Amino acid sequence: MSGPHLTYGTLVKDEGDMVGHVAYALYKRDKLSFIQAVRDEKGREPTEEEVWAFIVSSNLGLRIDAYRSEAEQALQVLSGELLQGAAEDLGRQYQQELTQQLQKAKPLFRAVGESLLANLLAVAVIALVAVVLHGTRIGFVGLAADVFGYEVKARVD
């Protein structure tokens, strides 16, 4: 008998036919259930004629369509669950990354304080450069006199 091979060829169109492969697995499930039912009900293994009758009935057009339809539904459910799982994983990863980025960010007052300190240092450096340049132009003694309001007189020795 070539029943099982006949069924495989009927359900699976080519090697890439995932629906056909799942449909064939469903057929095998039903075949095993049939064999177990005969064992349970009659207390014996099914005869070749009973198995052949099952195979022939499973290869009828409506039954083939039913297997393929059930396989398509199973694959759709599986795809949906896989996509949902992947979306949830991406969401968790995004949430973790966002949380890490927010934890790395400086608090507002600290950022403002650092900016203020940097600006004060920049002003101090500019003032120091201005004092040095002005001091070299008029002399540091004259600069001190101008800054502190003293009158500097030349020394007479």
Foldseek 3Di string as FASTA:
>chain_A
DCLLVVQLVLQAVDPPRQLSVQLSVVLVVVLVVVQVVCCVPVVDGDDPVVSVVSSVVCNDPVNSVVSSVVSVVVVVVVVVVVVVVVVVVVVVVVVVVVVVVVVPDDDPVVVVVVVVVVVVVVVVVVVVVVLVVVCVVVNVVVSVCVVVVHDDDDDDD
